[in-house]
């Protein structure tokens, strides 16, 4: 889905977003984005083997990120992805 739709759904459902083409299953180290309306802007959150290992504020998307249509939702509590 487009980033605008993914962000809207993620904020409504309290989920994170990620680009499907950059998610890696090997070793389960992935980076997700938590959209917010705070001064922290969007927060980058990295997970390794299901545990949050790092986060930082003020994510800066690339042009490709902004026009991509492969954004999906991730629920950190269920470790499941959803593209609905």
PDB file of N, CA and C in Angstrom:
ATOM      1  N   UNK A   1       0.837  -1.173   0.000  1.00  0.00           N
ATOM      2  CA  UNK A   1       0.000   0.000   0.000  1.00  0.00           C
ATOM      3  C   UNK A   1       0.883   1.237   0.000  1.00  0.00           C
ATOM      4  N   UNK A   2       0.337   2.353  -0.351  1.00  0.00           N
ATOM      5  CA  UNK A   2       1.077   3.619  -0.348  1.00  0.00           C
ATOM      6  C   UNK A   2       1.328   4.059   1.092  1.00  0.00           C
ATOM      7  N   UNK A   3       2.353   4.866   1.274  1.00  0.00           N
ATOM      8  CA  UNK A   3       2.758   5.266   2.621  1.00  0.00           C
ATOM      9  C   UNK A   3       1.653   6.030   3.349  1.00  0.00           C
ATOM     10  N   UNK A   4       0.901   6.865   2.650  1.00  0.00           N
ATOM     11  CA  UNK A   4      -0.153   7.637   3.321  1.00  0.00           C
ATOM     12  C   UNK A   4      -1.206   6.706   3.927  1.00  0.00           C
ATOM     13  N   UNK A   5      -1.577   5.677   3.209  1.00  0.00           N
ATOM     14  CA  UNK A   5      -2.559   4.715   3.705  1.00  0.00           C
ATOM     15  C   UNK A   5      -1.965   3.895   4.850  1.00  0.00           C
ATOM     16  N   UNK A   6      -0.712   3.479   4.705  1.00  0.00           N
ATOM     17  CA  UNK A   6      -0.060   2.688   5.749  1.00  0.00           C
ATOM     18  C   UNK A   6       0.067   3.490   7.041  1.00  0.00           C
ATOM     19  N   UNK A   7       0.440   4.761   6.936  1.00  0.00           N
ATOM     20  CA  UNK A   7       0.587   5.602   8.124  1.00  0.00           C
ATOM     21  C   UNK A   7      -0.762   5.787   8.812  1.00  0.00           C
ATOM     22  N   UNK A   8      -1.786   6.078   8.041  1.00  0.00           N
ATOM     23  CA  UNK A   8      -3.118   6.268   8.626  1.00  0.00           C
ATOM     24  C   UNK A   8      -3.559   5.020   9.390  1.00  0.00           C
ATOM     25  N   UNK A   9      -3.420   3.857   8.764  1.00  0.00           N
ATOM     26  CA  UNK A   9      -3.827   2.603   9.400  1.00  0.00           C
ATOM     27  C   UNK A   9      -2.953   2.280  10.612  1.00  0.00           C
ATOM     28  N   UNK A  10      -1.664   2.510  10.503  1.00  0.00           N
ATOM     29  CA  UNK A  10      -0.751   2.218  11.612  1.00  0.00           C
ATOM     30  C   UNK A  10      -1.088   3.068  12.830  1.00  0.00           C
ATOM     31  N   UNK A  11      -1.404   4.331  12.605  1.00  0.00           N
ATOM     32  CA  UNK A  11      -1.736   5.195  13.733  1.00  0.00           C
ATOM     33  C   UNK A  11      -3.080   4.798  14.353  1.00  0.00           C
ATOM     34  N   UNK A  12      -4.030   4.413  13.545  1.00  0.00           N
ATOM     35  CA  UNK A  12      -5.334   3.978  14.053  1.00  0.00           C
ATOM     36  C   UNK A  12      -5.214   2.667  14.836  1.00  0.00           C
ATOM     37  N   UNK A  13      -4.365   1.759  14.355  1.00  0.00           N
ATOM     38  CA  UNK A  13      -4.264   0.414  14.924  1.00  0.00           C
ATOM     39  C   UNK A  13      -3.066   0.225  15.854  1.00  0.00           C
ATOM     40  N   UNK A  14      -2.296   1.289  16.078  1.00  0.00           N
ATOM     41  CA  UNK A  14      -1.110   1.241  16.949  1.00  0.00           C
ATOM     42  C   UNK A  14      -0.114   0.195  16.471  1.00  0.00           C
ATOM     43  N   UNK A  15       0.202   0.269  15.189  1.00  0.00           N
ATOM     44  CA  UNK A  15       1.162  -0.654  14.585  1.00  0.00           C
ATOM     45  C   UNK A  15       2.323   0.130  13.984  1.00  0.00           C
ATOM     46  N   UNK A  16       3.310  -0.590  13.522  1.00  0.00           N
ATOM     47  CA  UNK A  16       4.466  -0.010  12.856  1.00  0.00           C
ATOM     48  C   UNK A  16       4.346  -0.288  11.363  1.00  0.00           C
ATOM     49  N   UNK A  17       5.128   0.420  10.559  1.00  0.00           N
ATOM     50  CA  UNK A  17       5.119   0.191   9.113  1.00  0.00           C
ATOM     51  C   UNK A  17       6.515  -0.198   8.650  1.00  0.00           C
ATOM     52  N   UNK A  18       6.553  -0.856   7.516  1.00  0.00           N
ATOM     53  CA  UNK A  18       7.824  -1.238   6.905  1.00  0.00           C
ATOM     54  C   UNK A  18       7.617  -1.429   5.413  1.00  0.00           C
ATOM     55  N   UNK A  19       8.708  -1.373   4.668  1.00  0.00           N
ATOM     56  CA  UNK A  19       8.650  -1.662   3.243  1.00  0.00           C
ATOM     57  C   UNK A  19       8.903  -3.145   3.040  1.00  0.00           C
ATOM     58  N   UNK A  20       7.997  -3.793   2.358  1.00  0.00           N
ATOM     59  CA  UNK A  20       8.067  -5.234   2.157  1.00  0.00           C
ATOM     60  C   UNK A  20       9.362  -5.654   1.472  1.00  0.00           C
ATOM     61  N   UNK A  21       9.858  -4.867   0.537  1.00  0.00           N
ATOM     62  CA  UNK A  21      11.035  -5.299  -0.207  1.00  0.00           C
ATOM     63  C   UNK A  21      12.333  -5.184   0.581  1.00  0.00           C
ATOM     64  N   UNK A  22      12.290  -4.623   1.808  1.00  0.00           N
ATOM     65  CA  UNK A  22      13.532  -4.553   2.590  1.00  0.00           C
ATOM     66  C   UNK A  22      13.467  -5.379   3.868  1.00  0.00           C
ATOM     67  N   UNK A  23      12.360  -6.052   4.118  1.00  0.00           N
ATOM     68  CA  UNK A  23      12.257  -6.893   5.312  1.00  0.00           C
ATOM     69  C   UNK A  23      13.063  -8.164   5.110  1.00  0.00           C
ATOM     70  N   UNK A  24      13.827  -8.535   6.124  1.00  0.00           N
ATOM     71  CA  UNK A  24      14.655  -9.733   6.042  1.00  0.00           C
ATOM     72  C   UNK A  24      14.193 -10.752   7.071  1.00  0.00           C
ATOM     73  N   UNK A  25      14.091 -11.978   6.661  1.00  0.00           N
ATOM     74  CA  UNK A  25      13.705 -13.050   7.578  1.00  0.00           C
ATOM     75  C   UNK A  25      14.924 -13.699   8.224  1.00  0.00           C
ATOM     76  N   UNK A  26      16.053 -13.691   7.542  1.00  0.00           N
ATOM     77  CA  UNK A  26      17.229 -14.370   8.080  1.00  0.00           C
ATOM     78  C   UNK A  26      17.745 -13.637   9.312  1.00  0.00           C
ATOM     79  N   UNK A  27      17.840 -14.341  10.410  1.00  0.00           N
ATOM     80  CA  UNK A  27      18.339 -13.764  11.639  1.00  0.00           C
ATOM     81  C   UNK A  27      17.344 -12.823  12.302  1.00  0.00           C
ATOM     82  N   UNK A  28      16.242 -12.585  11.676  1.00  0.00           N
ATOM     83  CA  UNK A  28      15.174 -11.725  12.159  1.00  0.00           C
ATOM     84  C   UNK A  28      15.701 -10.424  12.738  1.00  0.00           C
ATOM     85  N   UNK A  29      16.368  -9.648  11.892  1.00  0.00           N
ATOM     86  CA  UNK A  29      16.774  -8.287  12.251  1.00  0.00           C
ATOM     87  C   UNK A  29      16.082  -7.365  11.272  1.00  0.00           C
ATOM     88  N   UNK A  30      15.158  -6.578  11.768  1.00  0.00           N
ATOM     89  CA  UNK A  30      14.372  -5.723  10.902  1.00  0.00           C
ATOM     90  C   UNK A  30      14.221  -4.335  11.491  1.00  0.00           C
ATOM     91  N   UNK A  31      13.966  -3.393  10.616  1.00  0.00           N
ATOM     92  CA  UNK A  31      13.748  -2.017  11.013  1.00  0.00           C
ATOM     93  C   UNK A  31      12.354  -1.596  10.576  1.00  0.00           C
ATOM     94  N   UNK A  32      11.650  -0.956  11.485  1.00  0.00           N
ATOM     95  CA  UNK A  32      10.290  -0.513  11.250  1.00  0.00           C
ATOM     96  C   UNK A  32      10.173   0.967  11.573  1.00  0.00           C
ATOM     97  N   UNK A  33       9.082   1.561  11.138  1.00  0.00           N
ATOM     98  CA  UNK A  33       8.833   2.972  11.372  1.00  0.00           C
ATOM     99  C   UNK A  33       7.562   3.109  12.205  1.00  0.00           C
ATOM    100  N   UNK A  34       7.644   3.919  13.264  1.00  0.00           N
ATOM    101  CA  UNK A  34       6.469   4.226  14.079  1.00  0.00           C
ATOM    102  C   UNK A  34       6.053   5.659  13.765  1.00  0.00           C
ATOM    103  N   UNK A  35       4.966   5.832  12.992  1.00  0.00           N
ATOM    104  CA  UNK A  35       4.515   7.185  12.695  1.00  0.00           C
ATOM    105  C   UNK A  35       3.888   7.836  13.927  1.00  0.00           C
ATOM    106  N   UNK A  36       4.197   9.113  14.160  1.00  0.00           N
ATOM    107  CA  UNK A  36       3.610   9.848  15.284  1.00  0.00           C
ATOM    108  C   UNK A  36       3.275  11.270  14.838  1.00  0.00           C
ATOM    109  N   UNK A  37       2.522  11.954  15.665  1.00  0.00           N
ATOM    110  CA  UNK A  37       2.260  13.379  15.480  1.00  0.00           C
ATOM    111  C   UNK A  37       3.009  14.199  16.519  1.00  0.00           C
ATOM    112  N   UNK A  38       3.998  13.596  17.156  1.00  0.00           N
ATOM    113  CA  UNK A  38       4.774  14.294  18.180  1.00  0.00           C
ATOM    114  C   UNK A  38       5.970  15.001  17.538  1.00  0.00           C
ATOM    115  N   UNK A  39       6.677  15.769  18.341  1.00  0.00           N
ATOM    116  CA  UNK A  39       7.879  16.436  17.843  1.00  0.00           C
ATOM    117  C   UNK A  39       9.014  15.453  17.575  1.00  0.00           C
ATOM    118  N   UNK A  40       8.847  14.208  17.982  1.00  0.00           N
ATOM    119  CA  UNK A  40       9.826  13.172  17.643  1.00  0.00           C
ATOM    120  C   UNK A  40       9.694  12.750  16.192  1.00  0.00           C
ATOM    121  N   UNK A  41       8.619  13.179  15.544  1.00  0.00           N
ATOM    122  CA  UNK A  41       8.312  12.813  14.150  1.00  0.00           C
ATOM    123  C   UNK A  41       8.140  11.300  14.065  1.00  0.00           C
ATOM    124  N   UNK A  42       8.574  10.701  12.978  1.00  0.00           N
ATOM    125  CA  UNK A  42       8.483   9.247  12.838  1.00  0.00           C
ATOM    126  C   UNK A  42       9.701   8.621  13.499  1.00  0.00           C
ATOM    127  N   UNK A  43       9.470   7.555  14.234  1.00  0.00           N
ATOM    128  CA  UNK A  43      10.535   6.909  15.007  1.00  0.00           C
ATOM    129  C   UNK A  43      10.965   5.629  14.311  1.00  0.00           C
ATOM    130  N   UNK A  44      12.262   5.482  14.117  1.00  0.00           N
ATOM    131  CA  UNK A  44      12.838   4.272  13.533  1.00  0.00           C
ATOM    132  C   UNK A  44      13.091   3.297  14.674  1.00  0.00           C
ATOM    133  N   UNK A  45      12.565   2.085  14.544  1.00  0.00           N
ATOM    134  CA  UNK A  45      12.707   1.076  15.592  1.00  0.00           C
ATOM    135  C   UNK A  45      13.312  -0.178  14.972  1.00  0.00           C
ATOM    136  N   UNK A  46      14.429  -0.638  15.527  1.00  0.00           N
ATOM    137  CA  UNK A  46      15.085  -1.853  15.044  1.00  0.00           C
ATOM    138  C   UNK A  46      14.843  -2.991  16.021  1.00  0.00           C
ATOM    139  N   UNK A  47      14.587  -4.155  15.454  1.00  0.00           N
ATOM    140  CA  UNK A  47      14.355  -5.366  16.243  1.00  0.00           C
ATOM    141  C   UNK A  47      15.333  -6.445  15.792  1.00  0.00           C
ATOM    142  N   UNK A  48      15.769  -7.240  16.746  1.00  0.00           N
ATOM    143  CA  UNK A  48      16.596  -8.399  16.442  1.00  0.00           C
ATOM    144  C   UNK A  48      16.044  -9.569  17.240  1.00  0.00           C
ATOM    145  N   UNK A  49      15.752 -10.654  16.548  1.00  0.00           N
ATOM    146  CA  UNK A  49      15.183 -11.848  17.169  1.00  0.00           C
ATOM    147  C   UNK A  49      13.962 -11.508  18.027  1.00  0.00           C
ATOM    148  N   UNK A  50      13.123 -10.590  17.537  1.00  0.00           N
ATOM    149  CA  UNK A  50      11.875 -10.249  18.202  1.00  0.00           C
ATOM    150  C   UNK A  50      11.972  -9.248  19.326  1.00  0.00           C
ATOM    151  N   UNK A  51      13.166  -8.726  19.595  1.00  0.00           N
ATOM    152  CA  UNK A  51      13.339  -7.775  20.687  1.00  0.00           C
ATOM    153  C   UNK A  51      13.817  -6.436  20.144  1.00  0.00           C
ATOM    154  N   UNK A  52      13.239  -5.373  20.684  1.00  0.00           N
ATOM    155  CA  UNK A  52      13.667  -4.033  20.277  1.00  0.00           C
ATOM    156  C   UNK A  52      15.099  -3.810  20.745  1.00  0.00           C
ATOM    157  N   UNK A  53      15.963  -3.424  19.807  1.00  0.00           N
ATOM    158  CA  UNK A  53      17.366  -3.214  20.156  1.00  0.00           C
ATOM    159  C   UNK A  53      17.792  -1.759  20.022  1.00  0.00           C
ATOM    160  N   UNK A  54      16.999  -0.965  19.299  1.00  0.00           N
ATOM    161  CA  UNK A  54      17.430   0.400  19.028  1.00  0.00           C
ATOM    162  C   UNK A  54      16.238   1.199  18.540  1.00  0.00           C
ATOM    163  N   UNK A  55      16.232   2.476  18.833  1.00  0.00           N
ATOM    164  CA  UNK A  55      15.242   3.368  18.246  1.00  0.00           C
ATOM    165  C   UNK A  55      15.825   4.773  18.186  1.00  0.00           C
ATOM    166  N   UNK A  56      15.358   5.534  17.228  1.00  0.00           N
ATOM    167  CA  UNK A  56      15.772   6.931  17.124  1.00  0.00           C
ATOM    168  C   UNK A  56      14.650   7.722  16.462  1.00  0.00           C
ATOM    169  N   UNK A  57      14.627   9.001  16.714  1.00  0.00           N
ATOM    170  CA  UNK A  57      13.557   9.838  16.196  1.00  0.00           C
ATOM    171  C   UNK A  57      13.942  10.514  14.888  1.00  0.00           C
ATOM    172  N   UNK A  58      12.963  11.127  14.268  1.00  0.00           N
ATOM    173  CA  UNK A  58      13.153  11.939  13.061  1.00  0.00           C
ATOM    174  C   UNK A  58      13.599  11.144  11.840  1.00  0.00           C
ATOM    175  N   UNK A  59      12.878  10.091  11.511  1.00  0.00           N
ATOM    176  CA  UNK A  59      13.157   9.322  10.297  1.00  0.00           C
ATOM    177  C   UNK A  59      13.074  10.239   9.082  1.00  0.00           C
ATOM    178  N   UNK A  60      14.012  10.101   8.184  1.00  0.00           N
ATOM    179  CA  UNK A  60      14.041  10.869   6.940  1.00  0.00           C
ATOM    180  C   UNK A  60      13.869   9.912   5.772  1.00  0.00           C
ATOM    181  N   UNK A  61      12.659   9.862   5.204  1.00  0.00           N
ATOM    182  CA  UNK A  61      12.421   8.929   4.099  1.00  0.00           C
ATOM    183  C   UNK A  61      13.117   9.381   2.817  1.00  0.00           C
ATOM    184  N   UNK A  62      13.435   8.416   1.988  1.00  0.00           N
ATOM    185  CA  UNK A  62      13.978   8.725   0.670  1.00  0.00           C
ATOM    186  C   UNK A  62      12.809   9.012  -0.279  1.00  0.00           C
ATOM    187  N   UNK A  63      13.122   9.528  -1.432  1.00  0.00           N
ATOM    188  CA  UNK A  63      12.095   9.730  -2.454  1.00  0.00           C
ATOM    189  C   UNK A  63      11.438   8.419  -2.819  1.00  0.00           C
ATOM    190  N   UNK A  64      12.242   7.369  -2.946  1.00  0.00           N
ATOM    191  CA  UNK A  64      11.693   6.042  -3.247  1.00  0.00           C
ATOM    192  C   UNK A  64      10.718   5.578  -2.161  1.00  0.00           C
ATOM    193  N   UNK A  65      11.049   5.857  -0.894  1.00  0.00           N
ATOM    194  CA  UNK A  65      10.149   5.492   0.199  1.00  0.00           C
ATOM    195  C   UNK A  65       8.795   6.185   0.040  1.00  0.00           C
ATOM    196  N   UNK A  66       8.816   7.442  -0.350  1.00  0.00           N
ATOM    197  CA  UNK A  66       7.584   8.228  -0.429  1.00  0.00           C
ATOM    198  C   UNK A  66       6.673   7.825  -1.582  1.00  0.00           C
ATOM    199  N   UNK A  67       7.243   7.290  -2.654  1.00  0.00           N
ATOM    200  CA  UNK A  67       6.412   6.907  -3.806  1.00  0.00           C
ATOM    201  C   UNK A  67       6.157   5.401  -3.881  1.00  0.00           C
ATOM    202  N   UNK A  68       6.775   4.633  -3.003  1.00  0.00           N
ATOM    203  CA  UNK A  68       6.623   3.169  -3.023  1.00  0.00           C
ATOM    204  C   UNK A  68       5.197   2.753  -2.668  1.00  0.00           C
ATOM    205  N   UNK A  69       4.798   1.608  -3.184  1.00  0.00           N
ATOM    206  CA  UNK A  69       3.475   1.065  -2.856  1.00  0.00           C
ATOM    207  C   UNK A  69       3.586  -0.299  -2.174  1.00  0.00           C
ATOM    208  N   UNK A  70       4.753  -0.555  -1.559  1.00  0.00           N
ATOM    209  CA  UNK A  70       4.960  -1.850  -0.903  1.00  0.00           C
ATOM    210  C   UNK A  70       5.015  -1.716   0.629  1.00  0.00           C
ATOM    211  N   UNK A  71       4.384  -0.683   1.164  1.00  0.00           N
ATOM    212  CA  UNK A  71       4.339  -0.504   2.614  1.00  0.00           C
ATOM    213  C   UNK A  71       3.342  -1.475   3.234  1.00  0.00           C
ATOM    214  N   UNK A  72       3.723  -2.020   4.384  1.00  0.00           N
ATOM    215  CA  UNK A  72       2.855  -2.950   5.103  1.00  0.00           C
ATOM    216  C   UNK A  72       2.874  -2.601   6.583  1.00  0.00           C
ATOM    217  N   UNK A  73       1.932  -3.172   7.314  1.00  0.00           N
ATOM    218  CA  UNK A  73       1.837  -2.952   8.750  1.00  0.00           C
ATOM    219  C   UNK A  73       2.478  -4.105   9.498  1.00  0.00           C
ATOM    220  N   UNK A  74       3.015  -3.798  10.672  1.00  0.00           N
ATOM    221  CA  UNK A  74       3.579  -4.822  11.547  1.00  0.00           C
ATOM    222  C   UNK A  74       3.103  -4.568  12.959  1.00  0.00           C
ATOM    223  N   UNK A  75       2.605  -5.600  13.595  1.00  0.00           N
ATOM    224  CA  UNK A  75       2.144  -5.519  14.971  1.00  0.00           C
ATOM    225  C   UNK A  75       3.222  -6.108  15.861  1.00  0.00           C
ATOM    226  N   UNK A  76       3.916  -5.258  16.587  1.00  0.00           N
ATOM    227  CA  UNK A  76       5.030  -5.727  17.406  1.00  0.00           C
ATOM    228  C   UNK A  76       4.598  -6.693  18.496  1.00  0.00           C
ATOM    229  N   UNK A  77       3.305  -6.682  18.832  1.00  0.00           N
ATOM    230  CA  UNK A  77       2.831  -7.575  19.885  1.00  0.00           C
ATOM    231  C   UNK A  77       2.503  -8.963  19.370  1.00  0.00           C
ATOM    232  N   UNK A  78       2.225  -9.067  18.080  1.00  0.00           N
ATOM    233  CA  UNK A  78       1.885 -10.389  17.556  1.00  0.00           C
ATOM    234  C   UNK A  78       2.942 -10.917  16.592  1.00  0.00           C
ATOM    235  N   UNK A  79       3.930 -10.085  16.250  1.00  0.00           N
ATOM    236  CA  UNK A  79       4.971 -10.463  15.288  1.00  0.00           C
ATOM    237  C   UNK A  79       4.356 -10.909  13.980  1.00  0.00           C
ATOM    238  N   UNK A  80       3.256 -10.293  13.586  1.00  0.00           N
ATOM    239  CA  UNK A  80       2.617 -10.629  12.334  1.00  0.00           C
ATOM    240  C   UNK A  80       2.561  -9.398  11.446  1.00  0.00           C
ATOM    241  N   UNK A  81       2.685  -9.621  10.171  1.00  0.00           N
ATOM    242  CA  UNK A  81       2.593  -8.545   9.212  1.00  0.00           C
ATOM    243  C   UNK A  81       1.223  -8.560   8.574  1.00  0.00           C
ATOM    244  N   UNK A  82       0.817  -7.405   8.091  1.00  0.00           N
ATOM    245  CA  UNK A  82      -0.483  -7.305   7.458  1.00  0.00           C
ATOM    246  C   UNK A  82      -0.401  -6.252   6.370  1.00  0.00           C
ATOM    247  N   UNK A  83      -0.912  -6.554   5.217  1.00  0.00           N
ATOM    248  CA  UNK A  83      -0.948  -5.561   4.142  1.00  0.00           C
ATOM    249  C   UNK A  83      -2.368  -5.122   3.876  1.00  0.00           C
ATOM    250  N   UNK A  84      -3.241  -5.244   4.867  1.00  0.00           N
ATOM    251  CA  UNK A  84      -4.627  -4.788   4.702  1.00  0.00           C
ATOM    252  C   UNK A  84      -4.809  -3.421   5.331  1.00  0.00           C
TER     253      UNK A  84
END
